[in-house]
Amino acid sequence: MNTHAPKDKIIVHVDSDLEDLIPDFLTKRQKEIDIIQQALRQSDFNTIYVLGHGMKGSGGAYGFDRLTEIGAVLEKSAKEQNIFFFFFCIEKLSDYFSRIEVKYC
């Protein structure tokens, strides 16, 4: 018997004018998790910095404020080469994408 309650969905309200762009935007961000993991294995902090910076800049523009927050931590972690926060960010990104539900308004 599973005693763990399922985590709640994260509802993100997005402007309906962006509806055609959102699926591709989210797919690209999800793929970046694998790229970040590969970059981490190679100690490629520049790639992680660039991806974190991109998430930080684009997340809020599309209505995904949590993505902006995680991107900012990734960017800062890459600058400081802080391995702990990379794993934290990867876990948070994976959790975020597993729970996100977009509502267009």
N, C-alpha and C. Protein backbone atom coordinates (compact mmCIF):
# COMPACT_ATOMS: atom_id res chain seq x y z
N MET A 1 0.84 -1.19 0.00
CA MET A 1 0.00 0.00 0.00
C MET A 1 0.88 1.25 0.00
N ASN A 2 0.58 2.18 -0.88
CA ASN A 2 1.33 3.42 -0.98
C ASN A 2 0.73 4.44 -0.02
N THR A 3 1.54 4.89 0.93
CA THR A 3 1.05 5.83 1.92
C THR A 3 1.38 7.27 1.57
N HIS A 4 2.08 7.46 0.45
CA HIS A 4 2.43 8.82 0.04
C HIS A 4 1.31 9.42 -0.80
N ALA A 5 0.87 10.58 -0.39
CA ALA A 5 -0.18 11.27 -1.14
C ALA A 5 0.43 11.86 -2.41
N PRO A 6 -0.31 11.84 -3.51
CA PRO A 6 0.22 12.45 -4.73
C PRO A 6 0.37 13.95 -4.53
N LYS A 7 1.38 14.50 -5.16
CA LYS A 7 1.59 15.94 -5.05
C LYS A 7 0.56 16.66 -5.90
N ASP A 8 0.18 17.82 -5.43
CA ASP A 8 -0.80 18.63 -6.14
C ASP A 8 -0.22 19.15 -7.45
N LYS A 9 -1.11 19.35 -8.39
CA LYS A 9 -0.72 19.98 -9.65
C LYS A 9 -0.36 21.43 -9.38
N ILE A 10 0.52 21.95 -10.19
CA ILE A 10 0.87 23.36 -10.15
C ILE A 10 0.16 24.01 -11.32
N ILE A 11 -0.82 24.82 -11.03
CA ILE A 11 -1.60 25.49 -12.07
C ILE A 11 -0.90 26.79 -12.45
N VAL A 12 -0.63 26.93 -13.73
CA VAL A 12 -0.01 28.16 -14.24
C VAL A 12 -0.98 28.78 -15.23
N HIS A 13 -1.36 30.02 -14.96
CA HIS A 13 -2.26 30.74 -15.84
C HIS A 13 -1.44 31.51 -16.86
N VAL A 14 -1.70 31.23 -18.13
CA VAL A 14 -0.92 31.82 -19.22
C VAL A 14 -1.88 32.53 -20.17
N ASP A 15 -1.42 33.65 -20.67
CA ASP A 15 -2.20 34.42 -21.65
C ASP A 15 -2.50 33.54 -22.86
N SER A 16 -3.74 33.50 -23.27
CA SER A 16 -4.15 32.65 -24.40
C SER A 16 -3.46 33.04 -25.70
N ASP A 17 -2.93 34.25 -25.79
CA ASP A 17 -2.18 34.65 -26.98
C ASP A 17 -0.90 33.84 -27.14
N LEU A 18 -0.43 33.21 -26.06
CA LEU A 18 0.80 32.43 -26.09
C LEU A 18 0.56 30.93 -26.25
N GLU A 19 -0.70 30.54 -26.41
CA GLU A 19 -1.06 29.13 -26.42
C GLU A 19 -0.27 28.32 -27.45
N ASP A 20 -0.03 28.87 -28.63
CA ASP A 20 0.70 28.13 -29.66
C ASP A 20 2.18 27.97 -29.32
N LEU A 21 2.72 28.83 -28.48
CA LEU A 21 4.14 28.81 -28.15
C LEU A 21 4.49 27.94 -26.94
N ILE A 22 3.54 27.76 -26.05
CA ILE A 22 3.82 27.13 -24.76
C ILE A 22 4.27 25.67 -24.87
N PRO A 23 3.63 24.82 -25.64
CA PRO A 23 4.09 23.42 -25.68
C PRO A 23 5.56 23.29 -26.09
N ASP A 24 5.98 24.01 -27.10
CA ASP A 24 7.38 23.96 -27.55
C ASP A 24 8.31 24.55 -26.50
N PHE A 25 7.88 25.65 -25.89
CA PHE A 25 8.67 26.28 -24.84
C PHE A 25 8.93 25.30 -23.70
N LEU A 26 7.88 24.62 -23.23
CA LEU A 26 8.02 23.69 -22.11
C LEU A 26 8.85 22.47 -22.50
N THR A 27 8.66 21.97 -23.71
CA THR A 27 9.44 20.82 -24.18
C THR A 27 10.93 21.15 -24.20
N LYS A 28 11.27 22.32 -24.69
CA LYS A 28 12.68 22.74 -24.74
C LYS A 28 13.26 22.87 -23.33
N ARG A 29 12.49 23.42 -22.41
CA ARG A 29 13.00 23.57 -21.05
C ARG A 29 13.20 22.20 -20.39
N GLN A 30 12.29 21.26 -20.65
CA GLN A 30 12.44 19.92 -20.09
C GLN A 30 13.69 19.23 -20.65
N LYS A 31 13.96 19.40 -21.92
CA LYS A 31 15.16 18.81 -22.52
C LYS A 31 16.42 19.42 -21.92
N GLU A 32 16.33 20.65 -21.47
CA GLU A 32 17.49 21.30 -20.88
C GLU A 32 17.92 20.64 -19.57
N ILE A 33 17.02 19.93 -18.92
CA ILE A 33 17.40 19.20 -17.71
C ILE A 33 18.49 18.19 -18.05
N ASP A 34 18.31 17.44 -19.14
CA ASP A 34 19.32 16.47 -19.56
C ASP A 34 20.63 17.16 -19.95
N ILE A 35 20.52 18.29 -20.61
CA ILE A 35 21.71 19.04 -21.02
C ILE A 35 22.47 19.53 -19.78
N ILE A 36 21.74 19.99 -18.79
CA ILE A 36 22.36 20.45 -17.55
C ILE A 36 23.07 19.29 -16.85
N GLN A 37 22.43 18.14 -16.81
CA GLN A 37 23.05 16.98 -16.17
C GLN A 37 24.33 16.57 -16.91
N GLN A 38 24.29 16.59 -18.23
CA GLN A 38 25.48 16.26 -19.02
C GLN A 38 26.57 17.30 -18.78
N ALA A 39 26.21 18.56 -18.78
CA ALA A 39 27.18 19.64 -18.54
C ALA A 39 27.81 19.49 -17.16
N LEU A 40 27.00 19.11 -16.18
CA LEU A 40 27.51 18.92 -14.83
C LEU A 40 28.54 17.79 -14.80
N ARG A 41 28.26 16.70 -15.50
CA ARG A 41 29.22 15.58 -15.56
C ARG A 41 30.54 16.02 -16.19
N GLN A 42 30.48 17.00 -17.07
CA GLN A 42 31.68 17.48 -17.77
C GLN A 42 32.26 18.75 -17.13
N SER A 43 31.71 19.15 -16.00
CA SER A 43 32.11 20.40 -15.33
C SER A 43 32.05 21.59 -16.28
N ASP A 44 31.02 21.58 -17.12
CA ASP A 44 30.82 22.66 -18.09
C ASP A 44 29.88 23.70 -17.48
N PHE A 45 30.45 24.53 -16.63
CA PHE A 45 29.66 25.51 -15.89
C PHE A 45 29.14 26.62 -16.80
N ASN A 46 29.82 26.88 -17.88
CA ASN A 46 29.37 27.91 -18.81
C ASN A 46 28.03 27.53 -19.44
N THR A 47 27.89 26.28 -19.86
CA THR A 47 26.61 25.83 -20.43
C THR A 47 25.49 25.93 -19.41
N ILE A 48 25.78 25.54 -18.19
CA ILE A 48 24.77 25.62 -17.13
C ILE A 48 24.40 27.08 -16.88
N TYR A 49 25.38 27.95 -16.88
CA TYR A 49 25.13 29.37 -16.69
C TYR A 49 24.21 29.91 -17.79
N VAL A 50 24.52 29.58 -19.03
CA VAL A 50 23.73 30.07 -20.17
C VAL A 50 22.29 29.55 -20.09
N LEU A 51 22.13 28.27 -19.79
CA LEU A 51 20.78 27.70 -19.69
C LEU A 51 20.01 28.30 -18.51
N GLY A 52 20.68 28.46 -17.37
CA GLY A 52 20.03 29.07 -16.21
C GLY A 52 19.62 30.50 -16.51
N HIS A 53 20.50 31.23 -17.18
CA HIS A 53 20.20 32.62 -17.54
C HIS A 53 18.98 32.67 -18.47
N GLY A 54 18.93 31.75 -19.42
CA GLY A 54 17.80 31.71 -20.35
C GLY A 54 16.49 31.39 -19.65
N MET A 55 16.53 30.44 -18.72
CA MET A 55 15.32 30.11 -17.95
C MET A 55 14.89 31.30 -17.11
N LYS A 56 15.85 31.94 -16.50
CA LYS A 56 15.55 33.09 -15.66
C LYS A 56 14.87 34.19 -16.48
N GLY A 57 15.36 34.41 -17.68
CA GLY A 57 14.83 35.48 -18.51
C GLY A 57 13.52 35.16 -19.17
N SER A 58 13.33 33.92 -19.57
CA SER A 58 12.14 33.59 -20.34
C SER A 58 10.97 33.06 -19.51
N GLY A 59 11.25 32.46 -18.37
CA GLY A 59 10.18 31.86 -17.57
C GLY A 59 9.06 32.82 -17.25
N GLY A 60 9.41 33.94 -16.67
CA GLY A 60 8.40 34.93 -16.28
C GLY A 60 7.69 35.55 -17.46
N ALA A 61 8.40 35.68 -18.57
CA ALA A 61 7.80 36.27 -19.77
C ALA A 61 6.64 35.42 -20.30
N TYR A 62 6.71 34.13 -20.04
CA TYR A 62 5.65 33.22 -20.47
C TYR A 62 4.67 32.89 -19.35
N GLY A 63 4.93 33.41 -18.15
CA GLY A 63 4.03 33.16 -17.03
C GLY A 63 4.50 32.08 -16.08
N PHE A 64 5.72 31.59 -16.25
CA PHE A 64 6.26 30.51 -15.42
C PHE A 64 7.28 31.09 -14.43
N ASP A 65 6.77 31.77 -13.42
CA ASP A 65 7.63 32.46 -12.46
C ASP A 65 8.55 31.50 -11.72
N ARG A 66 8.06 30.31 -11.42
CA ARG A 66 8.90 29.32 -10.70
C ARG A 66 10.11 28.93 -11.56
N LEU A 67 9.93 28.84 -12.85
CA LEU A 67 11.02 28.54 -13.76
C LEU A 67 12.07 29.65 -13.73
N THR A 68 11.61 30.89 -13.64
CA THR A 68 12.51 32.03 -13.51
C THR A 68 13.33 31.92 -12.23
N GLU A 69 12.68 31.56 -11.13
CA GLU A 69 13.38 31.42 -9.85
C GLU A 69 14.45 30.33 -9.90
N ILE A 70 14.10 29.18 -10.45
CA ILE A 70 15.05 28.08 -10.54
C ILE A 70 16.19 28.45 -11.49
N GLY A 71 15.87 29.10 -12.58
CA GLY A 71 16.90 29.55 -13.53
C GLY A 71 17.89 30.48 -12.87
N ALA A 72 17.41 31.37 -12.01
CA ALA A 72 18.29 32.31 -11.31
C ALA A 72 19.25 31.55 -10.38
N VAL A 73 18.75 30.52 -9.71
CA VAL A 73 19.61 29.72 -8.83
C VAL A 73 20.65 28.96 -9.67
N LEU A 74 20.22 28.41 -10.80
CA LEU A 74 21.15 27.72 -11.69
C LEU A 74 22.26 28.66 -12.16
N GLU A 75 21.86 29.84 -12.58
CA GLU A 75 22.82 30.82 -13.06
C GLU A 75 23.84 31.17 -11.97
N LYS A 76 23.35 31.46 -10.78
CA LYS A 76 24.23 31.80 -9.66
C LYS A 76 25.12 30.62 -9.28
N SER A 77 24.55 29.43 -9.27
CA SER A 77 25.32 28.23 -8.93
C SER A 77 26.43 27.97 -9.93
N ALA A 78 26.15 28.22 -11.19
CA ALA A 78 27.18 28.04 -12.22
C ALA A 78 28.32 29.03 -12.01
N LYS A 79 27.96 30.26 -11.68
CA LYS A 79 28.98 31.29 -11.43
C LYS A 79 29.88 30.88 -10.27
N GLU A 80 29.25 30.31 -9.24
CA GLU A 80 29.98 29.92 -8.03
C GLU A 80 30.48 28.48 -8.09
N GLN A 81 30.11 27.76 -9.14
CA GLN A 81 30.44 26.33 -9.30
C GLN A 81 30.02 25.53 -8.06
N ASN A 82 28.80 25.77 -7.62
CA ASN A 82 28.25 25.15 -6.43
C ASN A 82 27.47 23.90 -6.82
N ILE A 83 28.12 22.75 -6.71
CA ILE A 83 27.54 21.47 -7.14
C ILE A 83 26.24 21.15 -6.40
N PHE A 84 26.16 21.42 -5.11
CA PHE A 84 24.96 21.11 -4.33
C PHE A 84 23.72 21.73 -4.95
N PHE A 85 23.81 22.98 -5.34
CA PHE A 85 22.63 23.66 -5.87
C PHE A 85 22.25 23.16 -7.25
N PHE A 86 23.19 22.60 -8.02
CA PHE A 86 22.82 22.02 -9.31
C PHE A 86 21.86 20.86 -9.10
N PHE A 87 22.21 19.99 -8.17
CA PHE A 87 21.34 18.84 -7.90
C PHE A 87 19.99 19.29 -7.36
N PHE A 88 20.00 20.30 -6.52
CA PHE A 88 18.77 20.88 -5.99
C PHE A 88 17.90 21.40 -7.14
N CYS A 89 18.51 22.12 -8.07
CA CYS A 89 17.77 22.70 -9.20
C CYS A 89 17.22 21.62 -10.12
N ILE A 90 18.02 20.61 -10.40
CA ILE A 90 17.56 19.53 -11.27
C ILE A 90 16.36 18.84 -10.64
N GLU A 91 16.42 18.60 -9.34
CA GLU A 91 15.29 17.98 -8.64
C GLU A 91 14.05 18.89 -8.70
N LYS A 92 14.24 20.18 -8.47
CA LYS A 92 13.12 21.12 -8.50
C LYS A 92 12.52 21.24 -9.90
N LEU A 93 13.38 21.26 -10.93
CA LEU A 93 12.87 21.33 -12.30
C LEU A 93 12.07 20.08 -12.66
N SER A 94 12.60 18.92 -12.31
CA SER A 94 11.89 17.66 -12.61
C SER A 94 10.54 17.62 -11.91
N ASP A 95 10.52 18.02 -10.65
CA ASP A 95 9.27 18.06 -9.89
C ASP A 95 8.29 19.05 -10.52
N TYR A 96 8.79 20.21 -10.88
CA TYR A 96 7.95 21.25 -11.47
C TYR A 96 7.29 20.75 -12.75
N PHE A 97 8.08 20.17 -13.64
CA PHE A 97 7.54 19.72 -14.91
C PHE A 97 6.60 18.52 -14.75
N SER A 98 6.77 17.73 -13.71
CA SER A 98 5.87 16.59 -13.50
C SER A 98 4.52 17.02 -12.96
N ARG A 99 4.45 18.22 -12.41
CA ARG A 99 3.22 18.68 -11.76
C ARG A 99 2.53 19.83 -12.46
N ILE A 100 3.16 20.43 -13.45
CA ILE A 100 2.63 21.64 -14.06
C ILE A 100 1.38 21.35 -14.91
N GLU A 101 0.44 22.24 -14.79
CA GLU A 101 -0.76 22.19 -15.64
C GLU A 101 -1.04 23.62 -16.09
N VAL A 102 -1.10 23.81 -17.40
CA VAL A 102 -1.28 25.15 -17.96
C VAL A 102 -2.77 25.40 -18.19
N LYS A 103 -3.20 26.55 -17.73
CA LYS A 103 -4.57 27.03 -17.98
C LYS A 103 -4.45 28.34 -18.75
N TYR A 104 -5.12 28.41 -19.88
CA TYR A 104 -5.05 29.61 -20.71
C TYR A 104 -6.21 30.55 -20.37
N CYS A 105 -5.90 31.83 -20.29
CA CYS A 105 -6.93 32.80 -19.96
C CYS A 105 -6.87 33.99 -20.91
